[in-house]
Amino acid sequence: MQSNRERAASEFKRKMAWITLGGIVLAAAAIWYLSLFGPLRVHMVVATMGGVFLSVVVGCGLFAAAFFSDQSGHDREVTDATRQKDPD
């Protein structure tokens, strides 16, 4: 059981690294796209980078956390703990 958790944790870390890289790439692409339509201002760049990066990381990170919870066995533990015993 512990090996499942360790494997799930390493996969989660790998997924989060890819998600972070994707967030950086998408934020850079958004800045490039904005630069096509006029001059970039500091507040626009900071707001766009923060908004795009955080949206990607939070959105994808929540999905990755849900997959981690299932793969590591945490969901099974909660289901077993909250299941009522049938009175016999």
N, C-alpha and C. Protein backbone atom coordinates (compact mmCIF):
# COMPACT_ATOMS: atom_id res chain seq x y z
N MET A 1 0.82 -1.19 0.00
CA MET A 1 0.00 0.00 0.00
C MET A 1 0.86 1.25 0.00
N GLN A 2 1.95 1.21 0.76
CA GLN A 2 2.83 2.38 0.83
C GLN A 2 3.48 2.66 -0.51
N SER A 3 3.78 1.61 -1.29
CA SER A 3 4.41 1.84 -2.59
C SER A 3 3.44 2.56 -3.53
N ASN A 4 2.12 2.28 -3.42
CA ASN A 4 1.15 3.01 -4.22
C ASN A 4 1.17 4.50 -3.88
N ARG A 5 1.28 4.81 -2.60
CA ARG A 5 1.32 6.22 -2.18
C ARG A 5 2.59 6.90 -2.66
N GLU A 6 3.70 6.22 -2.55
CA GLU A 6 4.97 6.80 -2.99
C GLU A 6 4.96 7.02 -4.50
N ARG A 7 4.45 6.04 -5.24
CA ARG A 7 4.36 6.18 -6.69
C ARG A 7 3.40 7.30 -7.08
N ALA A 8 2.26 7.39 -6.38
CA ALA A 8 1.30 8.45 -6.65
C ALA A 8 1.89 9.82 -6.33
N ALA A 9 2.66 9.90 -5.25
CA ALA A 9 3.28 11.18 -4.88
C ALA A 9 4.31 11.61 -5.91
N SER A 10 5.10 10.66 -6.41
CA SER A 10 6.09 11.02 -7.42
C SER A 10 5.42 11.42 -8.73
N GLU A 11 4.32 10.73 -9.09
CA GLU A 11 3.59 11.13 -10.29
C GLU A 11 2.95 12.51 -10.12
N PHE A 12 2.45 12.80 -8.93
CA PHE A 12 1.85 14.10 -8.67
C PHE A 12 2.89 15.21 -8.80
N LYS A 13 4.08 14.99 -8.27
CA LYS A 13 5.15 15.99 -8.39
C LYS A 13 5.53 16.19 -9.85
N ARG A 14 5.59 15.10 -10.61
CA ARG A 14 5.92 15.20 -12.03
C ARG A 14 4.84 15.97 -12.78
N LYS A 15 3.58 15.66 -12.49
CA LYS A 15 2.47 16.38 -13.14
C LYS A 15 2.50 17.86 -12.79
N MET A 16 2.76 18.19 -11.53
CA MET A 16 2.78 19.59 -11.13
C MET A 16 3.94 20.34 -11.79
N ALA A 17 5.06 19.66 -12.02
CA ALA A 17 6.17 20.30 -12.73
C ALA A 17 5.76 20.62 -14.17
N TRP A 18 5.09 19.68 -14.83
CA TRP A 18 4.63 19.92 -16.20
C TRP A 18 3.56 21.02 -16.23
N ILE A 19 2.67 21.02 -15.25
CA ILE A 19 1.63 22.05 -15.19
C ILE A 19 2.26 23.42 -14.99
N THR A 20 3.26 23.52 -14.13
CA THR A 20 3.95 24.78 -13.91
C THR A 20 4.64 25.25 -15.19
N LEU A 21 5.30 24.35 -15.88
CA LEU A 21 5.93 24.69 -17.15
C LEU A 21 4.89 25.17 -18.16
N GLY A 22 3.76 24.47 -18.21
CA GLY A 22 2.68 24.88 -19.11
C GLY A 22 2.14 26.25 -18.76
N GLY A 23 2.01 26.54 -17.47
CA GLY A 23 1.56 27.86 -17.04
C GLY A 23 2.52 28.97 -17.46
N ILE A 24 3.80 28.70 -17.36
CA ILE A 24 4.81 29.68 -17.78
C ILE A 24 4.74 29.91 -19.29
N VAL A 25 4.62 28.83 -20.05
CA VAL A 25 4.55 28.94 -21.51
C VAL A 25 3.28 29.71 -21.92
N LEU A 26 2.15 29.38 -21.31
CA LEU A 26 0.91 30.06 -21.67
C LEU A 26 0.92 31.53 -21.26
N ALA A 27 1.53 31.85 -20.13
CA ALA A 27 1.64 33.26 -19.72
C ALA A 27 2.52 34.03 -20.71
N ALA A 28 3.61 33.41 -21.14
CA ALA A 28 4.47 34.06 -22.14
C ALA A 28 3.74 34.23 -23.46
N ALA A 29 2.95 33.23 -23.85
CA ALA A 29 2.18 33.33 -25.10
C ALA A 29 1.13 34.44 -25.00
N ALA A 30 0.52 34.59 -23.83
CA ALA A 30 -0.47 35.65 -23.65
C ALA A 30 0.19 37.03 -23.75
N ILE A 31 1.37 37.17 -23.19
CA ILE A 31 2.08 38.45 -23.28
C ILE A 31 2.46 38.73 -24.73
N TRP A 32 2.94 37.72 -25.43
CA TRP A 32 3.27 37.90 -26.85
C TRP A 32 2.04 38.33 -27.63
N TYR A 33 0.90 37.68 -27.39
CA TYR A 33 -0.34 38.01 -28.09
C TYR A 33 -0.75 39.45 -27.81
N LEU A 34 -0.64 39.88 -26.57
CA LEU A 34 -0.99 41.26 -26.23
C LEU A 34 -0.05 42.26 -26.89
N SER A 35 1.20 41.86 -27.08
CA SER A 35 2.16 42.78 -27.69
C SER A 35 1.85 43.05 -29.16
N LEU A 36 1.06 42.19 -29.77
CA LEU A 36 0.70 42.39 -31.18
C LEU A 36 -0.25 43.57 -31.37
N PHE A 37 -0.95 43.97 -30.33
CA PHE A 37 -2.01 44.97 -30.45
C PHE A 37 -1.66 46.31 -29.83
N GLY A 38 -0.47 46.47 -29.35
CA GLY A 38 -0.07 47.77 -28.80
C GLY A 38 1.07 47.62 -27.82
N PRO A 39 1.48 48.75 -27.26
CA PRO A 39 2.60 48.70 -26.32
C PRO A 39 2.19 48.03 -25.00
N LEU A 40 3.14 47.34 -24.43
CA LEU A 40 2.89 46.67 -23.16
C LEU A 40 3.23 47.61 -22.01
N ARG A 41 2.36 47.63 -21.04
CA ARG A 41 2.60 48.42 -19.83
C ARG A 41 2.89 47.44 -18.69
N VAL A 42 3.60 47.93 -17.69
CA VAL A 42 4.03 47.06 -16.59
C VAL A 42 2.84 46.42 -15.89
N HIS A 43 1.82 47.22 -15.56
CA HIS A 43 0.68 46.66 -14.83
C HIS A 43 -0.07 45.62 -15.67
N MET A 44 -0.10 45.82 -16.99
CA MET A 44 -0.77 44.86 -17.87
C MET A 44 0.01 43.55 -17.93
N VAL A 45 1.31 43.64 -17.99
CA VAL A 45 2.14 42.44 -18.05
C VAL A 45 2.04 41.65 -16.74
N VAL A 46 2.14 42.35 -15.62
CA VAL A 46 2.07 41.68 -14.32
C VAL A 46 0.71 41.03 -14.11
N ALA A 47 -0.36 41.76 -14.44
CA ALA A 47 -1.70 41.21 -14.25
C ALA A 47 -1.95 40.02 -15.17
N THR A 48 -1.51 40.11 -16.41
CA THR A 48 -1.71 39.01 -17.35
C THR A 48 -0.91 37.79 -16.94
N MET A 49 0.35 37.99 -16.59
CA MET A 49 1.18 36.86 -16.17
C MET A 49 0.61 36.20 -14.93
N GLY A 50 0.24 37.00 -13.95
CA GLY A 50 -0.32 36.43 -12.72
C GLY A 50 -1.64 35.73 -12.97
N GLY A 51 -2.52 36.36 -13.74
CA GLY A 51 -3.83 35.77 -14.00
C GLY A 51 -3.76 34.49 -14.80
N VAL A 52 -2.99 34.48 -15.86
CA VAL A 52 -2.89 33.29 -16.70
C VAL A 52 -2.17 32.17 -15.96
N PHE A 53 -1.05 32.50 -15.34
CA PHE A 53 -0.27 31.47 -14.64
C PHE A 53 -1.07 30.86 -13.49
N LEU A 54 -1.67 31.71 -12.65
CA LEU A 54 -2.42 31.18 -11.51
C LEU A 54 -3.65 30.39 -11.95
N SER A 55 -4.31 30.83 -13.01
CA SER A 55 -5.48 30.10 -13.50
C SER A 55 -5.10 28.71 -13.97
N VAL A 56 -4.02 28.62 -14.71
CA VAL A 56 -3.57 27.32 -15.22
C VAL A 56 -3.13 26.42 -14.07
N VAL A 57 -2.34 26.94 -13.17
CA VAL A 57 -1.80 26.11 -12.08
C VAL A 57 -2.91 25.68 -11.13
N VAL A 58 -3.81 26.58 -10.77
CA VAL A 58 -4.88 26.20 -9.85
C VAL A 58 -5.85 25.23 -10.52
N GLY A 59 -6.27 25.53 -11.74
CA GLY A 59 -7.22 24.65 -12.42
C GLY A 59 -6.67 23.27 -12.67
N CYS A 60 -5.51 23.19 -13.25
CA CYS A 60 -4.90 21.88 -13.53
C CYS A 60 -4.42 21.21 -12.26
N GLY A 61 -3.95 21.99 -11.30
CA GLY A 61 -3.49 21.43 -10.04
C GLY A 61 -4.60 20.75 -9.26
N LEU A 62 -5.80 21.31 -9.31
CA LEU A 62 -6.93 20.67 -8.63
C LEU A 62 -7.28 19.33 -9.28
N PHE A 63 -7.22 19.26 -10.59
CA PHE A 63 -7.44 17.99 -11.26
C PHE A 63 -6.35 17.00 -10.89
N ALA A 64 -5.10 17.44 -10.86
CA ALA A 64 -4.00 16.56 -10.49
C ALA A 64 -4.15 16.07 -9.05
N ALA A 65 -4.63 16.95 -8.16
CA ALA A 65 -4.85 16.54 -6.77
C ALA A 65 -5.95 15.50 -6.67
N ALA A 66 -6.98 15.63 -7.48
CA ALA A 66 -8.06 14.62 -7.48
C ALA A 66 -7.53 13.27 -7.95
N PHE A 67 -6.71 13.27 -8.99
CA PHE A 67 -6.12 12.02 -9.46
C PHE A 67 -5.17 11.43 -8.42
N PHE A 68 -4.40 12.30 -7.76
CA PHE A 68 -3.49 11.83 -6.71
C PHE A 68 -4.27 11.18 -5.58
N SER A 69 -5.36 11.80 -5.17
CA SER A 69 -6.17 11.26 -4.09
C SER A 69 -6.69 9.87 -4.43
N ASP A 70 -7.11 9.69 -5.66
CA ASP A 70 -7.62 8.38 -6.08
C ASP A 70 -6.50 7.35 -6.17
N GLN A 71 -5.39 7.72 -6.78
CA GLN A 71 -4.30 6.77 -7.00
C GLN A 71 -3.58 6.39 -5.71
N SER A 72 -3.53 7.29 -4.74
CA SER A 72 -2.79 7.01 -3.52
C SER A 72 -3.59 6.19 -2.51
N GLY A 73 -4.89 6.05 -2.74
CA GLY A 73 -5.72 5.27 -1.82
C GLY A 73 -6.43 6.09 -0.77
N HIS A 74 -6.25 7.40 -0.79
CA HIS A 74 -6.92 8.26 0.19
C HIS A 74 -8.44 8.19 0.04
N ASP A 75 -8.92 8.13 -1.18
CA ASP A 75 -10.37 8.04 -1.40
C ASP A 75 -10.94 6.77 -0.80
N ARG A 76 -10.23 5.66 -0.95
CA ARG A 76 -10.69 4.38 -0.41
C ARG A 76 -10.75 4.45 1.11
N GLU A 77 -9.76 5.08 1.74
CA GLU A 77 -9.76 5.19 3.21
C GLU A 77 -10.95 5.99 3.70
N VAL A 78 -11.26 7.08 3.02
CA VAL A 78 -12.40 7.90 3.43
C VAL A 78 -13.70 7.14 3.23
N THR A 79 -13.82 6.45 2.10
CA THR A 79 -15.02 5.67 1.84
C THR A 79 -15.20 4.59 2.90
N ASP A 80 -14.14 3.91 3.24
CA ASP A 80 -14.22 2.85 4.26
C ASP A 80 -14.52 3.42 5.64
N ALA A 81 -13.96 4.59 5.94
CA ALA A 81 -14.16 5.18 7.27
C ALA A 81 -15.58 5.70 7.44
N THR A 82 -16.21 6.16 6.39
CA THR A 82 -17.54 6.74 6.51
C THR A 82 -18.64 5.75 6.21
N ARG A 83 -18.31 4.57 5.78
CA ARG A 83 -19.32 3.55 5.49
C ARG A 83 -19.89 3.04 6.81
N GLN A 84 -21.20 3.05 6.89
CA GLN A 84 -21.84 2.57 8.11
C GLN A 84 -21.87 1.04 8.10
N LYS A 85 -21.68 0.51 9.26
CA LYS A 85 -21.71 -0.95 9.40
C LYS A 85 -23.17 -1.39 9.40
N ASP A 86 -23.43 -2.46 8.69
CA ASP A 86 -24.79 -3.02 8.69
C ASP A 86 -25.04 -3.75 10.00
N PRO A 87 -26.09 -3.38 10.71
CA PRO A 87 -26.39 -4.11 11.95
C PRO A 87 -26.92 -5.51 11.63
N ASP A 88 -26.25 -6.49 12.14
CA ASP A 88 -26.66 -7.89 11.91
C ASP A 88 -27.20 -8.52 13.15
